[in-house]
PDB file of N, CA and C in Angstrom:
ATOM      1  N   MET A   1     -20.696  28.410   8.241  1.00  0.00           N
ATOM      2  CA  MET A   1     -20.503  26.968   8.387  1.00  0.00           C
ATOM      3  C   MET A   1     -20.614  26.271   7.033  1.00  0.00           C
ATOM      4  N   ARG A   2     -21.440  26.825   6.152  1.00  0.00           N
ATOM      5  CA  ARG A   2     -21.594  26.179   4.843  1.00  0.00           C
ATOM      6  C   ARG A   2     -20.289  26.238   4.048  1.00  0.00           C
ATOM      7  N   VAL A   3     -19.487  27.268   4.295  1.00  0.00           N
ATOM      8  CA  VAL A   3     -18.234  27.379   3.539  1.00  0.00           C
ATOM      9  C   VAL A   3     -17.248  26.295   3.968  1.00  0.00           C
ATOM     10  N   HIS A   4     -17.244  25.984   5.270  1.00  0.00           N
ATOM     11  CA  HIS A   4     -16.254  25.039   5.780  1.00  0.00           C
ATOM     12  C   HIS A   4     -16.703  23.589   5.612  1.00  0.00           C
ATOM     13  N   TYR A   5     -17.987  23.364   5.382  1.00  0.00           N
ATOM     14  CA  TYR A   5     -18.481  21.982   5.340  1.00  0.00           C
ATOM     15  C   TYR A   5     -17.837  21.154   4.230  1.00  0.00           C
ATOM     16  N   PRO A   6     -17.781  21.657   2.970  1.00  0.00           N
ATOM     17  CA  PRO A   6     -17.148  20.835   1.922  1.00  0.00           C
ATOM     18  C   PRO A   6     -15.682  20.550   2.257  1.00  0.00           C
ATOM     19  N   TYR A   7     -14.997  21.537   2.849  1.00  0.00           N
ATOM     20  CA  TYR A   7     -13.591  21.318   3.185  1.00  0.00           C
ATOM     21  C   TYR A   7     -13.455  20.202   4.221  1.00  0.00           C
ATOM     22  N   LEU A   8     -14.366  20.183   5.190  1.00  0.00           N
ATOM     23  CA  LEU A   8     -14.320  19.123   6.199  1.00  0.00           C
ATOM     24  C   LEU A   8     -14.565  17.764   5.550  1.00  0.00           C
ATOM     25  N   LYS A   9     -15.511  17.703   4.607  1.00  0.00           N
ATOM     26  CA  LYS A   9     -15.773  16.433   3.936  1.00  0.00           C
ATOM     27  C   LYS A   9     -14.538  15.987   3.153  1.00  0.00           C
ATOM     28  N   ILE A  10     -13.879  16.935   2.488  1.00  0.00           N
ATOM     29  CA  ILE A  10     -12.671  16.585   1.733  1.00  0.00           C
ATOM     30  C   ILE A  10     -11.592  16.088   2.694  1.00  0.00           C
ATOM     31  N   ALA A  11     -11.465  16.748   3.845  1.00  0.00           N
ATOM     32  CA  ALA A  11     -10.453  16.333   4.821  1.00  0.00           C
ATOM     33  C   ALA A  11     -10.754  14.917   5.310  1.00  0.00           C
ATOM     34  N   GLU A  12     -12.013  14.622   5.600  1.00  0.00           N
ATOM     35  CA  GLU A  12     -12.368  13.272   6.047  1.00  0.00           C
ATOM     36  C   GLU A  12     -12.060  12.252   4.960  1.00  0.00           C
ATOM     37  N   ASN A  13     -12.416  12.589   3.718  1.00  0.00           N
ATOM     38  CA  ASN A  13     -12.157  11.653   2.624  1.00  0.00           C
ATOM     39  C   ASN A  13     -10.657  11.445   2.444  1.00  0.00           C
ATOM     40  N   SER A  14      -9.864  12.513   2.581  1.00  0.00           N
ATOM     41  CA  SER A  14      -8.417  12.366   2.411  1.00  0.00           C
ATOM     42  C   SER A  14      -7.855  11.481   3.518  1.00  0.00           C
ATOM     43  N   GLU A  15      -8.399  11.600   4.737  1.00  0.00           N
ATOM     44  CA  GLU A  15      -7.934  10.725   5.824  1.00  0.00           C
ATOM     45  C   GLU A  15      -8.250   9.268   5.490  1.00  0.00           C
ATOM     46  N   ILE A  16      -9.451   9.025   4.959  1.00  0.00           N
ATOM     47  CA  ILE A  16      -9.829   7.659   4.580  1.00  0.00           C
ATOM     48  C   ILE A  16      -8.907   7.163   3.463  1.00  0.00           C
ATOM     49  N   LEU A  17      -8.626   8.047   2.488  1.00  0.00           N
ATOM     50  CA  LEU A  17      -7.745   7.652   1.391  1.00  0.00           C
ATOM     51  C   LEU A  17      -6.352   7.334   1.918  1.00  0.00           C
ATOM     52  N   LYS A  18      -5.876   8.153   2.869  1.00  0.00           N
ATOM     53  CA  LYS A  18      -4.548   7.882   3.439  1.00  0.00           C
ATOM     54  C   LYS A  18      -4.528   6.503   4.081  1.00  0.00           C
ATOM     55  N   LYS A  19      -5.592   6.168   4.825  1.00  0.00           N
ATOM     56  CA  LYS A  19      -5.639   4.862   5.475  1.00  0.00           C
ATOM     57  C   LYS A  19      -5.679   3.750   4.433  1.00  0.00           C
ATOM     58  N   LEU A  20      -6.469   3.943   3.370  1.00  0.00           N
ATOM     59  CA  LEU A  20      -6.554   2.911   2.334  1.00  0.00           C
ATOM     60  C   LEU A  20      -5.203   2.719   1.666  1.00  0.00           C
ATOM     61  N   VAL A  21      -4.545   3.839   1.322  1.00  0.00           N
ATOM     62  CA  VAL A  21      -3.238   3.739   0.667  1.00  0.00           C
ATOM     63  C   VAL A  21      -2.240   3.063   1.598  1.00  0.00           C
ATOM     64  N   PHE A  22      -2.317   3.410   2.896  1.00  0.00           N
ATOM     65  CA  PHE A  22      -1.383   2.811   3.863  1.00  0.00           C
ATOM     66  C   PHE A  22      -1.584   1.303   3.935  1.00  0.00           C
ATOM     67  N   HIS A  23      -2.847   0.863   4.007  1.00  0.00           N
ATOM     68  CA  HIS A  23      -3.120  -0.574   4.101  1.00  0.00           C
ATOM     69  C   HIS A  23      -2.724  -1.280   2.803  1.00  0.00           C
ATOM     70  N   LEU A  24      -3.034  -0.653   1.655  1.00  0.00           N
ATOM     71  CA  LEU A  24      -2.662  -1.272   0.380  1.00  0.00           C
ATOM     72  C   LEU A  24      -1.147  -1.373   0.274  1.00  0.00           C
ATOM     73  N   GLY A  25      -0.446  -0.316   0.709  1.00  0.00           N
ATOM     74  CA  GLY A  25       1.014  -0.352   0.683  1.00  0.00           C
ATOM     75  C   GLY A  25       1.545  -1.475   1.557  1.00  0.00           C
ATOM     76  N   GLY A  26       0.931  -1.669   2.729  1.00  0.00           N
ATOM     77  CA  GLY A  26       1.363  -2.753   3.608  1.00  0.00           C
ATOM     78  C   GLY A  26       1.151  -4.111   2.960  1.00  0.00           C
ATOM     79  N   ILE A  27       0.001  -4.276   2.290  1.00  0.00           N
ATOM     80  CA  ILE A  27      -0.278  -5.552   1.618  1.00  0.00           C
ATOM     81  C   ILE A  27       0.746  -5.789   0.512  1.00  0.00           C
ATOM     82  N   ILE A  28       1.051  -4.728  -0.269  1.00  0.00           N
ATOM     83  CA  ILE A  28       2.020  -4.872  -1.361  1.00  0.00           C
ATOM     84  C   ILE A  28       3.391  -5.238  -0.796  1.00  0.00           C
ATOM     85  N   VAL A  29       3.779  -4.566   0.296  1.00  0.00           N
ATOM     86  CA  VAL A  29       5.088  -4.855   0.901  1.00  0.00           C
ATOM     87  C   VAL A  29       5.145  -6.303   1.369  1.00  0.00           C
ATOM     88  N   TRP A  30       4.051  -6.776   1.998  1.00  0.00           N
ATOM     89  CA  TRP A  30       4.055  -8.156   2.502  1.00  0.00           C
ATOM     90  C   TRP A  30       4.121  -9.149   1.348  1.00  0.00           C
ATOM     91  N   THR A  31       3.385  -8.881   0.240  1.00  0.00           N
ATOM     92  CA  THR A  31       3.426  -9.809  -0.891  1.00  0.00           C
ATOM     93  C   THR A  31       4.815  -9.808  -1.521  1.00  0.00           C
ATOM     94  N   LEU A  32       5.436  -8.612  -1.609  1.00  0.00           N
ATOM     95  CA  LEU A  32       6.791  -8.557  -2.169  1.00  0.00           C
ATOM     96  C   LEU A  32       7.761  -9.316  -1.269  1.00  0.00           C
ATOM     97  N   ARG A  33       7.594  -9.179   0.047  1.00  0.00           N
ATOM     98  CA  ARG A  33       8.457  -9.929   0.969  1.00  0.00           C
ATOM     99  C   ARG A  33       8.264 -11.424   0.755  1.00  0.00           C
ATOM    100  N   GLY A  34       7.016 -11.846   0.576  1.00  0.00           N
ATOM    101  CA  GLY A  34       6.750 -13.260   0.338  1.00  0.00           C
ATOM    102  C   GLY A  34       7.420 -13.729  -0.946  1.00  0.00           C
ATOM    103  N   TRP A  35       7.317 -12.905  -2.013  1.00  0.00           N
ATOM    104  CA  TRP A  35       7.939 -13.283  -3.284  1.00  0.00           C
ATOM    105  C   TRP A  35       9.449 -13.377  -3.141  1.00  0.00           C
ATOM    106  N   PHE A  36      10.047 -12.391  -2.433  1.00  0.00           N
ATOM    107  CA  PHE A  36      11.503 -12.424  -2.256  1.00  0.00           C
ATOM    108  C   PHE A  36      11.909 -13.640  -1.427  1.00  0.00           C
ATOM    109  N   GLY A  37      11.099 -13.982  -0.409  1.00  0.00           N
ATOM    110  CA  GLY A  37      11.409 -15.159   0.401  1.00  0.00           C
ATOM    111  C   GLY A  37      11.364 -16.426  -0.439  1.00  0.00           C
ATOM    112  N   ILE A  38      10.341 -16.552  -1.296  1.00  0.00           N
ATOM    113  CA  ILE A  38      10.230 -17.732  -2.163  1.00  0.00           C
ATOM    114  C   ILE A  38      11.413 -17.776  -3.127  1.00  0.00           C
ATOM    115  N   ALA A  39      11.755 -16.620  -3.708  1.00  0.00           N
ATOM    116  CA  ALA A  39      12.860 -16.571  -4.666  1.00  0.00           C
ATOM    117  C   ALA A  39      14.169 -16.969  -3.990  1.00  0.00           C
ATOM    118  N   GLN A  40      14.400 -16.489  -2.769  1.00  0.00           N
ATOM    119  CA  GLN A  40      15.641 -16.834  -2.072  1.00  0.00           C
ATOM    120  C   GLN A  40      15.661 -18.316  -1.725  1.00  0.00           C
ATOM    121  N   GLN A  41      14.497 -18.876  -1.371  1.00  0.00           N
ATOM    122  CA  GLN A  41      14.454 -20.306  -1.058  1.00  0.00           C
ATOM    123  C   GLN A  41      14.734 -21.138  -2.313  1.00  0.00           C
ATOM    124  N   LEU A  42      14.233 -20.677  -3.461  1.00  0.00           N
ATOM    125  CA  LEU A  42      14.453 -21.433  -4.698  1.00  0.00           C
ATOM    126  C   LEU A  42      15.905 -21.325  -5.132  1.00  0.00           C
ATOM    127  N   GLY A  43      16.542 -20.192  -4.849  1.00  0.00           N
ATOM    128  CA  GLY A  43      17.940 -20.046  -5.254  1.00  0.00           C
ATOM    129  C   GLY A  43      18.278 -18.588  -5.504  1.00  0.00           C
ATOM    130  N   SER A  44      18.476 -18.223  -6.770  1.00  0.00           N
ATOM    131  CA  SER A  44      18.898 -16.856  -7.074  1.00  0.00           C
ATOM    132  C   SER A  44      17.676 -15.978  -7.327  1.00  0.00           C
ATOM    133  N   PRO A  45      17.530 -14.864  -6.615  1.00  0.00           N
ATOM    134  CA  PRO A  45      16.390 -13.971  -6.842  1.00  0.00           C
ATOM    135  C   PRO A  45      16.400 -13.376  -8.247  1.00  0.00           C
ATOM    136  N   LEU A  46      17.590 -13.138  -8.799  1.00  0.00           N
ATOM    137  CA  LEU A  46      17.647 -12.527 -10.129  1.00  0.00           C
ATOM    138  C   LEU A  46      17.069 -13.476 -11.167  1.00  0.00           C
ATOM    139  N   GLY A  47      17.372 -14.750 -11.059  1.00  0.00           N
ATOM    140  CA  GLY A  47      16.833 -15.722 -12.001  1.00  0.00           C
ATOM    141  C   GLY A  47      15.320 -15.825 -11.886  1.00  0.00           C
ATOM    142  N   TYR A  48      14.799 -15.562 -10.684  1.00  0.00           N
ATOM    143  CA  TYR A  48      13.356 -15.668 -10.460  1.00  0.00           C
ATOM    144  C   TYR A  48      12.605 -14.577 -11.202  1.00  0.00           C
ATOM    145  N   PHE A  49      13.239 -13.392 -11.359  1.00  0.00           N
ATOM    146  CA  PHE A  49      12.530 -12.268 -11.979  1.00  0.00           C
ATOM    147  C   PHE A  49      12.749 -12.201 -13.482  1.00  0.00           C
ATOM    148  N   ARG A  50      13.612 -13.044 -14.042  1.00  0.00           N
ATOM    149  CA  ARG A  50      13.844 -12.964 -15.484  1.00  0.00           C
ATOM    150  C   ARG A  50      12.729 -13.629 -16.272  1.00  0.00           C
TER     151      ARG A  50
END
């Protein structure tokens, strides 16, 4: 059991990391959507990023 214990801890940590990355990715996607929405409302998105 001692051999498998560190592996289980790593697996749990990787699951937590996956969830964190997933949530961070969702936040980034939502902020990018917000920025694109603002840029489209202002006019040309290309001009907004220059």
